Amino acid sequence: MFNKNRNPLKNEIYISLFKIAAPVALQNLIISSLSFVDTLMIGQLGEVEIAAVGIGNQLFFLYTLLLFGIGSASGIFVSQFWGKKDYASIRKTSGLSVLLGLAGALPFSFLSLIIPEKLVGIFSTDREVIRLGADYVSVVAVSYLFSAVVITMSQVQRSIEKANLPFIVSAVSLGMNTLLNWLLIFGKAGFPALGVSGAAIATAVARGVECILLIVLIYNGRENPAAGTFREMTGFSADFLKRFIKTASPVIINELFWALGMTVFKVVYGRMGTSALASVNIAEAVMNLMFVAMIGSSTGTAVLTGKKIGEGDYDGARRNGRSFIKFALIEGIVIALICAAFSGILPRGFNVDDSLKQSASIIILIFSAFLPFKSFNIHSIVGIFRGGGDTLFAAVTEIAGVWGVGVVLAFITGIYLELPVYIVYAFVSLEEVVKSVICMMRVRSEKWVHDLT
């Protein structure tokens, strides 16, 4: 059933995929590097500080996945409108996604400013971790509004095959964040040594600059299809809003429940002890760097799938979907080998006990073993199914895997059996195997093609 092309890299679809995937992957590498730099610099202060910043990043992660859900939903529409060259609809979709993102930012910012200790206390019972984590969370709260614009507008730019703009602004943001981290965490060049609070200030300022720069680049010369006036971007009808919400709801629910599942995992690790949580945070800082290529290619998969459907070439969309799955499996295996090769090296950069470094290395090796499954799943769920408008099936599959398998096994192995953290992580990762079986059946059925425009 799958395409028998012996030279897939010569195929035009792979060239188009690379043009989108490369800047998206580089942007996500920058974003992950920003998190890695934060964790690495804070790691020079100790494991309590690592745990505190890790919790702060987990709360922001929960919020960004709400934005990713909104952005992904808009990307489904925008990529299909892009196939039809319907620029007016691209602008109103862009405006709607920004408004929804800003609306979602308000409660997160408010709670982070008013009750930061209670939020951090969900993840840890260590008083010092709670104190430092609350300082971090309350400072970065203001940046949630900036991220609402950046994440939603970046997704729109990718969906119209202008992925270079988000990449540029992220590169500037990383450079600024790294410099400010160095100045404010350690007190260089006459600045005060603020530790965790310094990292929070650096992150907030960098996100603000990123937001402003992205807006300037999009509206420079008004040649960008998404650069509309206020009236153009808010001119969506009630019928369009209804259609958007119908498609977006499964995506947003998908992202929220997935994020809540990831949060539950962190709660389990935190309840196992500060050392367990710190080892997971170190491992994830490394693993996120390895995952960026898959994020890029799955995003490109969604854009090109939606574009084909928008053009009315449904058979072409199905044919490309089969090619994307082949690519996903090869990509997963290659990245797994690279990740495994560096599993014992990167954790050495952290100023923590050798036992934590060893635990983090084992977790990275386990992550590597499951990477081919993860790659297949992200290309299926985020790429093919969402790009094809099959958002409900994608949501059910994701939620069932995380909560029906991952969360259950996390509580059994981590809380009830009290197994070592790396064994708990291995059991949690079994969800990827279950999801891959379900996704393969759906891809083969070819029932995921839906024209939403």
Protein backbone atom coordinates (compact mmCIF):
# COMPACT_ATOMS: atom_id res chain seq x y z
CA MET A 1 0.00 0.00 0.00
CA PHE A 2 2.92 2.30 0.69
CA ASN A 3 4.71 4.17 -2.08
CA LYS A 4 7.41 2.06 -3.73
CA ASN A 5 9.55 5.02 -4.84
CA ARG A 6 13.17 3.95 -4.39
CA ASN A 7 14.54 7.52 -4.41
CA PRO A 8 12.23 9.50 -2.14
CA LEU A 9 14.74 12.29 -1.51
CA LYS A 10 14.52 13.22 -5.20
CA ASN A 11 10.81 13.65 -4.93
CA GLU A 12 9.52 17.20 -5.01
CA ILE A 13 7.51 16.64 -1.84
CA TYR A 14 10.67 16.01 0.17
CA ILE A 15 12.21 19.21 -1.12
CA SER A 16 9.10 21.14 -0.10
CA LEU A 17 9.12 19.40 3.27
CA PHE A 18 12.75 20.36 3.86
CA LYS A 19 12.09 24.03 3.02
CA ILE A 20 9.53 24.19 5.81
CA ALA A 21 11.07 21.70 8.21
CA ALA A 22 14.58 23.16 8.27
CA PRO A 23 13.73 26.64 9.63
CA VAL A 24 11.08 25.18 11.95
CA ALA A 25 13.58 22.65 13.29
CA LEU A 26 16.20 25.36 13.72
CA GLN A 27 13.67 27.57 15.50
CA ASN A 28 12.74 24.77 17.86
CA LEU A 29 16.41 24.02 18.37
CA ILE A 30 16.80 27.64 19.42
CA ILE A 31 13.78 27.44 21.73
CA SER A 32 15.06 24.19 23.26
CA SER A 33 18.53 25.68 23.50
CA LEU A 34 17.06 28.63 25.38
CA SER A 35 15.56 26.22 27.90
CA PHE A 36 18.80 24.22 27.96
CA VAL A 37 20.87 27.37 28.56
CA ASP A 38 18.55 28.37 31.40
CA THR A 39 18.84 24.94 32.98
CA LEU A 40 22.60 24.67 32.40
CA MET A 41 23.35 28.08 33.89
CA ILE A 42 21.00 27.55 36.82
CA GLY A 43 22.58 24.11 37.17
CA GLN A 44 25.78 25.80 38.30
CA LEU A 45 23.89 26.91 41.42
CA GLY A 46 22.61 23.47 42.51
CA GLU A 47 19.85 20.86 42.26
CA VAL A 48 17.29 22.91 44.24
CA GLU A 49 17.59 25.73 41.72
CA ILE A 50 17.32 23.26 38.81
CA ALA A 51 14.12 21.83 40.27
CA ALA A 52 12.67 25.32 40.87
CA VAL A 53 13.29 26.56 37.31
CA GLY A 54 12.10 23.21 35.93
CA ILE A 55 8.76 23.68 37.68
CA GLY A 56 8.51 27.24 36.38
CA ASN A 57 9.15 26.00 32.86
CA GLN A 58 6.56 23.25 33.34
CA LEU A 59 3.87 25.82 34.14
CA PHE A 60 4.84 27.85 31.09
CA PHE A 61 4.90 24.64 29.07
CA LEU A 62 1.29 23.97 30.08
CA TYR A 63 0.32 27.43 28.82
CA THR A 64 2.28 27.18 25.57
CA LEU A 65 0.51 23.96 24.68
CA LEU A 66 -2.80 25.78 24.92
CA LEU A 67 -1.32 28.24 22.44
CA PHE A 68 0.03 25.41 20.34
CA GLY A 69 -3.48 23.95 20.21
CA ILE A 70 -4.90 27.27 19.03
CA GLY A 71 -2.03 27.77 16.59
CA SER A 72 -2.34 24.25 15.22
CA ALA A 73 -6.05 24.71 14.64
CA SER A 74 -5.47 27.97 12.79
CA GLY A 75 -2.67 26.28 10.85
CA ILE A 76 -5.11 23.66 9.56
CA PHE A 77 -7.34 26.37 8.11
CA VAL A 78 -4.51 28.62 6.95
CA SER A 79 -2.68 25.85 5.07
CA GLN A 80 -5.89 24.92 3.22
CA PHE A 81 -6.65 28.60 2.52
CA TRP A 82 -3.05 28.90 1.31
CA GLY A 83 -3.70 26.10 -1.18
CA LYS A 84 -6.71 28.09 -2.44
CA LYS A 85 -4.79 31.43 -2.32
CA ASP A 86 -7.59 32.89 -0.19
CA TYR A 87 -5.63 35.68 1.55
CA ALA A 88 -8.65 37.34 3.15
CA SER A 89 -9.49 34.14 5.01
CA ILE A 90 -5.85 33.73 6.03
CA ARG A 91 -5.95 37.15 7.72
CA LYS A 92 -9.18 36.59 9.61
CA THR A 93 -7.94 33.19 10.78
CA SER A 94 -4.70 34.79 11.94
CA GLY A 95 -6.55 37.49 13.86
CA LEU A 96 -8.86 35.01 15.51
CA SER A 97 -5.98 32.83 16.69
CA VAL A 98 -4.17 35.81 18.26
CA LEU A 99 -7.32 36.94 20.08
CA LEU A 100 -7.91 33.45 21.45
CA GLY A 101 -4.27 33.22 22.51
CA LEU A 102 -4.42 36.52 24.39
CA ALA A 103 -7.64 35.43 26.09
CA GLY A 104 -5.89 32.27 27.25
CA ALA A 105 -2.92 34.24 28.57
CA LEU A 106 -4.95 36.27 31.07
CA PRO A 107 -5.79 33.55 33.62
CA PHE A 108 -2.26 32.11 33.46
CA SER A 109 -0.66 35.50 34.05
CA PHE A 110 -3.13 36.39 36.81
CA LEU A 111 -2.65 33.16 38.77
CA SER A 112 1.13 33.27 38.35
CA LEU A 113 1.19 36.77 39.82
CA ILE A 114 -1.32 36.21 42.64
CA ILE A 115 -0.65 32.67 43.90
CA PRO A 116 2.76 31.53 42.55
CA GLU A 117 3.58 29.54 45.71
CA LYS A 118 0.43 27.46 45.41
CA LEU A 119 1.13 26.71 41.76
CA VAL A 120 4.70 25.60 42.46
CA GLY A 121 3.53 23.65 45.50
CA ILE A 122 1.57 21.33 43.22
CA PHE A 123 4.88 19.92 41.98
CA SER A 124 7.07 19.91 45.08
CA THR A 125 6.87 19.87 48.88
CA ASP A 126 10.42 21.22 49.28
CA ARG A 127 10.06 24.70 50.84
CA GLU A 128 13.18 26.10 49.20
CA VAL A 129 12.10 24.81 45.78
CA ILE A 130 8.69 26.42 46.29
CA ARG A 131 10.23 29.77 47.32
CA LEU A 132 12.62 29.95 44.36
CA GLY A 133 10.07 28.56 41.92
CA ALA A 134 7.50 31.17 42.99
CA ASP A 135 10.04 33.95 42.36
CA TYR A 136 10.65 32.61 38.86
CA VAL A 137 6.97 32.09 38.00
CA SER A 138 5.85 35.54 39.16
CA VAL A 139 8.45 37.29 36.99
CA VAL A 140 7.85 35.34 33.76
CA ALA A 141 4.06 35.77 34.12
CA VAL A 142 4.15 39.02 32.13
CA SER A 143 5.74 37.23 29.17
CA TYR A 144 2.68 35.03 28.62
CA LEU A 145 1.03 37.82 26.62
CA PHE A 146 4.08 38.13 24.38
CA SER A 147 4.11 34.39 23.79
CA ALA A 148 0.42 34.45 22.81
CA VAL A 149 1.29 36.60 19.80
CA VAL A 150 4.56 34.87 18.95
CA ILE A 151 3.32 31.27 19.02
CA THR A 152 0.04 31.82 17.16
CA MET A 153 1.53 34.12 14.52
CA SER A 154 4.53 31.85 14.04
CA GLN A 155 2.21 28.96 13.23
CA VAL A 156 0.41 31.09 10.65
CA GLN A 157 3.73 32.01 9.03
CA ARG A 158 4.74 28.36 8.79
CA SER A 159 1.38 27.50 7.24
CA ILE A 160 1.98 29.97 4.40
CA GLU A 161 5.49 28.57 3.91
CA LYS A 162 7.28 31.55 5.45
CA ALA A 163 8.94 29.62 8.26
CA ASN A 164 12.08 31.76 8.07
CA LEU A 165 10.50 34.70 9.93
CA PRO A 166 9.84 32.84 13.21
CA PHE A 167 13.33 31.39 12.94
CA ILE A 168 14.93 34.83 12.71
CA VAL A 169 13.13 36.24 15.73
CA SER A 170 13.86 33.14 17.80
CA ALA A 171 17.56 33.44 16.99
CA VAL A 172 17.57 37.03 18.25
CA SER A 173 15.62 35.99 21.34
CA LEU A 174 18.09 33.22 22.20
CA GLY A 175 21.07 35.54 21.86
CA MET A 176 19.49 38.13 24.12
CA ASN A 177 18.33 35.55 26.65
CA THR A 178 21.77 33.97 26.88
CA LEU A 179 23.49 37.32 27.38
CA LEU A 180 21.00 38.49 30.00
CA ASN A 181 21.26 35.13 31.78
CA TRP A 182 25.01 35.54 32.07
CA LEU A 183 24.66 39.10 33.34
CA LEU A 184 21.80 38.59 35.79
CA ILE A 185 22.25 35.06 37.12
CA PHE A 186 25.92 35.45 38.00
CA GLY A 187 26.15 39.24 38.38
CA LYS A 188 28.56 40.08 35.54
CA ALA A 189 29.54 43.50 34.15
CA GLY A 190 28.27 45.36 37.22
CA PHE A 191 24.83 43.73 37.31
CA PRO A 192 23.56 42.17 40.56
CA ALA A 193 23.75 38.38 40.95
CA LEU A 194 20.05 37.48 41.05
CA GLY A 195 20.20 33.72 40.52
CA VAL A 196 16.80 32.23 39.67
CA SER A 197 15.15 35.67 39.53
CA GLY A 198 17.80 36.80 37.06
CA ALA A 199 16.97 33.90 34.75
CA ALA A 200 13.29 34.85 34.93
CA ILE A 201 13.96 38.50 34.06
CA ALA A 202 16.16 37.47 31.13
CA THR A 203 13.47 35.16 29.78
CA ALA A 204 10.71 37.77 30.09
CA VAL A 205 12.72 40.48 28.32
CA ALA A 206 13.79 38.13 25.52
CA ARG A 207 10.19 37.07 24.85
CA GLY A 208 9.08 40.70 24.70
CA VAL A 209 11.72 41.54 22.11
CA GLU A 210 10.81 38.41 20.14
CA CYS A 211 7.16 39.51 19.97
CA ILE A 212 7.94 43.04 18.79
CA LEU A 213 10.43 41.88 16.16
CA LEU A 214 8.03 39.29 14.70
CA ILE A 215 5.28 41.89 14.27
CA VAL A 216 7.71 44.30 12.58
CA LEU A 217 8.93 41.65 10.13
CA ILE A 218 5.42 40.49 9.22
CA TYR A 219 4.17 44.00 8.53
CA ASN A 220 7.28 45.21 6.75
CA GLY A 221 5.96 46.34 3.34
CA ARG A 222 2.60 44.53 3.87
CA GLU A 223 3.62 41.85 1.37
CA ASN A 224 2.94 39.08 3.86
CA PRO A 225 -0.47 37.41 3.28
CA ALA A 226 -1.09 37.45 7.04
CA ALA A 227 -0.37 41.17 7.42
CA GLY A 228 -3.89 42.51 7.60
CA THR A 229 -5.51 45.60 9.06
CA PHE A 230 -7.39 45.41 12.34
CA ARG A 231 -10.67 45.19 10.41
CA GLU A 232 -9.36 42.44 8.11
CA MET A 233 -8.11 40.37 11.04
CA THR A 234 -11.28 40.75 13.09
CA GLY A 235 -13.74 40.47 10.20
CA PHE A 236 -14.61 36.83 10.78
CA SER A 237 -18.28 35.92 10.73
CA ALA A 238 -20.20 33.97 13.35
CA ASP A 239 -20.37 31.04 10.94
CA PHE A 240 -16.59 31.04 10.49
CA LEU A 241 -16.08 31.28 14.25
CA LYS A 242 -18.35 28.27 14.68
CA ARG A 243 -16.44 26.26 12.06
CA PHE A 244 -13.11 27.26 13.59
CA ILE A 245 -14.18 26.26 17.08
CA LYS A 246 -15.59 22.95 15.84
CA THR A 247 -12.21 22.10 14.33
CA ALA A 248 -10.10 23.76 16.99
CA SER A 249 -11.83 22.26 20.02
CA PRO A 250 -10.43 18.74 19.59
CA VAL A 251 -6.96 20.18 18.99
CA ILE A 252 -7.09 22.44 22.04
CA ILE A 253 -8.54 19.67 24.21
CA ASN A 254 -5.86 17.35 22.83
CA GLU A 255 -3.08 19.76 23.79
CA LEU A 256 -4.56 20.56 27.20
CA PHE A 257 -5.01 16.92 28.19
CA TRP A 258 -1.60 16.04 26.78
CA ALA A 259 -0.05 18.91 28.75
CA LEU A 260 -1.95 17.93 31.88
CA GLY A 261 -0.65 14.40 31.42
CA MET A 262 2.91 15.70 31.17
CA THR A 263 2.24 17.77 34.27
CA VAL A 264 1.00 14.70 36.15
CA PHE A 265 4.23 12.94 35.21
CA LYS A 266 6.19 15.85 36.72
CA VAL A 267 4.04 15.70 39.85
CA VAL A 268 4.86 12.00 40.20
CA TYR A 269 8.58 12.66 39.71
CA GLY A 270 8.42 15.54 42.20
CA ARG A 271 6.70 13.37 44.80
CA MET A 272 9.49 10.83 44.34
CA GLY A 273 11.95 13.46 45.58
CA THR A 274 13.87 16.55 44.48
CA SER A 275 16.72 14.42 43.09
CA ALA A 276 14.32 12.43 40.90
CA LEU A 277 12.73 15.62 39.56
CA ALA A 278 16.12 17.24 38.94
CA SER A 279 17.40 14.20 37.00
CA VAL A 280 14.31 14.26 34.77
CA ASN A 281 14.71 18.02 34.20
CA ILE A 282 18.35 17.54 33.18
CA ALA A 283 17.43 14.68 30.84
CA GLU A 284 14.56 16.61 29.27
CA ALA A 285 16.76 19.64 28.64
CA VAL A 286 18.99 17.35 26.56
CA MET A 287 16.16 15.34 24.97
CA ASN A 288 14.37 18.47 23.77
CA LEU A 289 17.43 19.34 21.70
CA MET A 290 17.19 15.95 19.98
CA PHE A 291 13.48 16.25 19.28
CA VAL A 292 13.58 19.44 17.21
CA ALA A 293 14.01 17.82 13.80
CA MET A 294 10.82 15.82 14.30
CA ILE A 295 8.91 18.94 15.29
CA GLY A 296 10.10 20.62 12.11
CA SER A 297 9.25 17.77 9.75
CA SER A 298 5.87 17.07 11.39
CA THR A 299 4.98 20.77 11.04
CA GLY A 300 5.99 20.63 7.39
CA THR A 301 3.89 17.49 6.99
CA ALA A 302 0.81 19.28 8.33
CA VAL A 303 1.33 22.33 6.09
CA LEU A 304 1.87 20.35 2.90
CA THR A 305 -0.99 17.97 3.66
CA GLY A 306 -3.39 20.87 4.24
CA LYS A 307 -2.15 22.67 1.14
CA LYS A 308 -2.78 19.62 -1.06
CA ILE A 309 -6.30 19.29 0.31
CA GLY A 310 -6.90 23.01 -0.23
CA GLU A 311 -5.84 22.58 -3.85
CA GLY A 312 -8.39 19.78 -4.19
CA ASP A 313 -5.73 17.11 -4.79
CA TYR A 314 -6.99 14.52 -2.30
CA ASP A 315 -5.17 11.60 -3.91
CA GLY A 316 -1.96 13.60 -3.78
CA ALA A 317 -2.50 14.25 -0.08
CA ARG A 318 -2.94 10.52 0.60
CA ARG A 319 0.09 9.66 -1.51
CA ASN A 320 2.23 12.22 0.31
CA GLY A 321 1.00 10.90 3.65
CA ARG A 322 2.47 7.49 2.89
CA SER A 323 5.78 9.09 1.97
CA PHE A 324 5.82 11.16 5.16
CA ILE A 325 5.41 8.03 7.28
CA LYS A 326 8.44 6.40 5.65
CA PHE A 327 10.43 9.55 6.31
CA ALA A 328 9.28 9.67 9.95
CA LEU A 329 10.52 6.16 10.70
CA ILE A 330 13.93 6.75 9.12
CA GLU A 331 14.27 10.08 10.90
CA GLY A 332 13.36 8.53 14.26
CA ILE A 333 15.99 5.81 13.95
CA VAL A 334 18.76 8.22 12.94
CA ILE A 335 18.03 10.68 15.74
CA ALA A 336 17.76 7.82 18.25
CA LEU A 337 21.29 6.72 17.42
CA ILE A 338 22.61 10.27 17.80
CA CYS A 339 20.77 10.76 21.08
CA ALA A 340 22.11 7.50 22.50
CA ALA A 341 25.65 8.43 21.51
CA PHE A 342 25.50 11.65 23.53
CA SER A 343 23.52 10.24 26.48
CA GLY A 344 26.52 10.00 28.76
CA ILE A 345 28.19 13.24 27.70
CA LEU A 346 25.75 16.16 27.95
CA PRO A 347 24.61 15.57 31.57
CA ARG A 348 28.22 16.10 32.69
CA GLY A 349 27.83 19.85 32.23
CA PHE A 350 25.56 20.11 35.27
CA ASN A 351 26.88 20.80 38.77
CA VAL A 352 25.02 17.95 40.47
CA ASP A 353 25.88 14.64 42.12
CA ASP A 354 27.20 11.84 39.93
CA SER A 355 24.15 9.74 40.79
CA LEU A 356 21.88 12.40 39.22
CA LYS A 357 24.05 12.53 36.11
CA GLN A 358 23.91 8.74 35.81
CA SER A 359 20.14 8.70 36.27
CA ALA A 360 19.72 11.41 33.62
CA SER A 361 21.93 9.45 31.20
CA ILE A 362 19.81 6.31 31.65
CA ILE A 363 16.61 8.30 31.03
CA ILE A 364 18.11 9.68 27.80
CA LEU A 365 18.97 6.14 26.64
CA ILE A 366 15.39 5.02 27.32
CA PHE A 367 14.12 8.07 25.41
CA SER A 368 16.33 7.02 22.48
CA ALA A 369 14.85 3.52 22.42
CA PHE A 370 11.33 4.91 22.00
CA LEU A 371 12.23 7.66 19.50
CA PRO A 372 11.16 5.76 16.34
CA PHE A 373 7.70 5.31 17.87
CA LYS A 374 7.60 8.96 18.94
CA SER A 375 8.59 10.09 15.45
CA PHE A 376 5.91 7.97 13.81
CA ASN A 377 3.27 9.27 16.24
CA ILE A 378 4.07 12.97 15.95
CA HIS A 379 4.10 12.81 12.15
CA SER A 380 0.79 10.95 12.16
CA ILE A 381 -1.07 12.97 14.80
CA VAL A 382 0.38 16.47 14.40
CA GLY A 383 1.25 16.16 10.72
CA ILE A 384 -1.07 13.94 8.71
CA PHE A 385 -4.23 13.81 10.82
CA ARG A 386 -4.33 17.49 11.81
CA GLY A 387 -3.18 18.65 8.39
CA GLY A 388 -5.98 16.54 6.94
CA GLY A 389 -8.56 18.02 9.31
CA ASP A 390 -8.94 14.71 11.18
CA THR A 391 -8.62 16.48 14.52
CA LEU A 392 -11.11 14.45 16.56
CA PHE A 393 -9.41 11.13 15.86
CA ALA A 394 -6.01 12.68 16.58
CA ALA A 395 -7.25 13.98 19.94
CA VAL A 396 -8.83 10.69 21.02
CA THR A 397 -5.67 8.77 20.14
CA GLU A 398 -3.36 11.17 22.00
CA ILE A 399 -5.50 11.43 25.11
CA ALA A 400 -6.10 7.68 25.31
CA GLY A 401 -2.37 7.00 25.10
CA VAL A 402 -1.30 9.56 27.69
CA TRP A 403 -4.05 8.98 30.25
CA GLY A 404 -5.05 5.39 29.59
CA VAL A 405 -1.46 4.12 29.53
CA GLY A 406 1.12 6.72 30.61
CA VAL A 407 -0.55 8.26 33.66
CA VAL A 408 -1.78 4.92 34.98
CA LEU A 409 1.70 3.38 34.73
CA ALA A 410 3.31 6.48 36.27
CA PHE A 411 1.21 6.19 39.42
CA ILE A 412 1.60 2.42 39.69
CA THR A 413 5.39 2.39 39.22
CA GLY A 414 6.29 5.75 40.77
CA ILE A 415 3.91 6.19 43.69
CA TYR A 416 2.70 2.67 44.53
CA LEU A 417 5.76 0.53 43.70
CA GLU A 418 8.30 3.36 44.33
CA LEU A 419 10.60 2.18 41.54
CA PRO A 420 13.66 4.21 40.43
CA VAL A 421 12.81 7.23 38.31
CA TYR A 422 14.38 5.84 35.12
CA ILE A 423 12.28 2.67 35.37
CA VAL A 424 9.16 4.79 35.87
CA TYR A 425 10.11 6.78 32.75
CA ALA A 426 10.47 3.54 30.76
CA PHE A 427 7.00 2.34 31.74
CA VAL A 428 5.48 5.74 30.94
CA SER A 429 7.06 5.62 27.46
CA LEU A 430 5.08 2.47 26.60
CA GLU A 431 2.22 4.80 25.66
CA GLU A 432 4.11 5.57 22.44
CA VAL A 433 3.95 1.93 21.36
CA VAL A 434 0.20 1.77 21.92
CA LYS A 435 -0.40 5.01 20.00
CA SER A 436 1.75 3.88 17.08
CA VAL A 437 -0.46 0.82 16.52
CA ILE A 438 -3.60 2.98 16.45
CA CYS A 439 -1.99 5.58 14.17
CA MET A 440 -0.80 2.98 11.68
CA MET A 441 -4.32 1.61 11.30
CA ARG A 442 -5.71 5.12 10.67
CA VAL A 443 -3.01 6.06 8.16
CA ARG A 444 -3.65 2.88 6.19
CA SER A 445 -7.41 3.51 6.18
CA GLU A 446 -6.90 6.89 4.41
CA LYS A 447 -10.02 8.25 6.15
CA TRP A 448 -8.17 11.28 7.51
CA VAL A 449 -8.72 13.60 4.50
CA HIS A 450 -11.24 16.41 5.24
CA ASP A 451 -11.62 19.69 3.29
CA LEU A 452 -12.60 22.28 5.92
CA THR A 453 -12.68 25.34 3.67
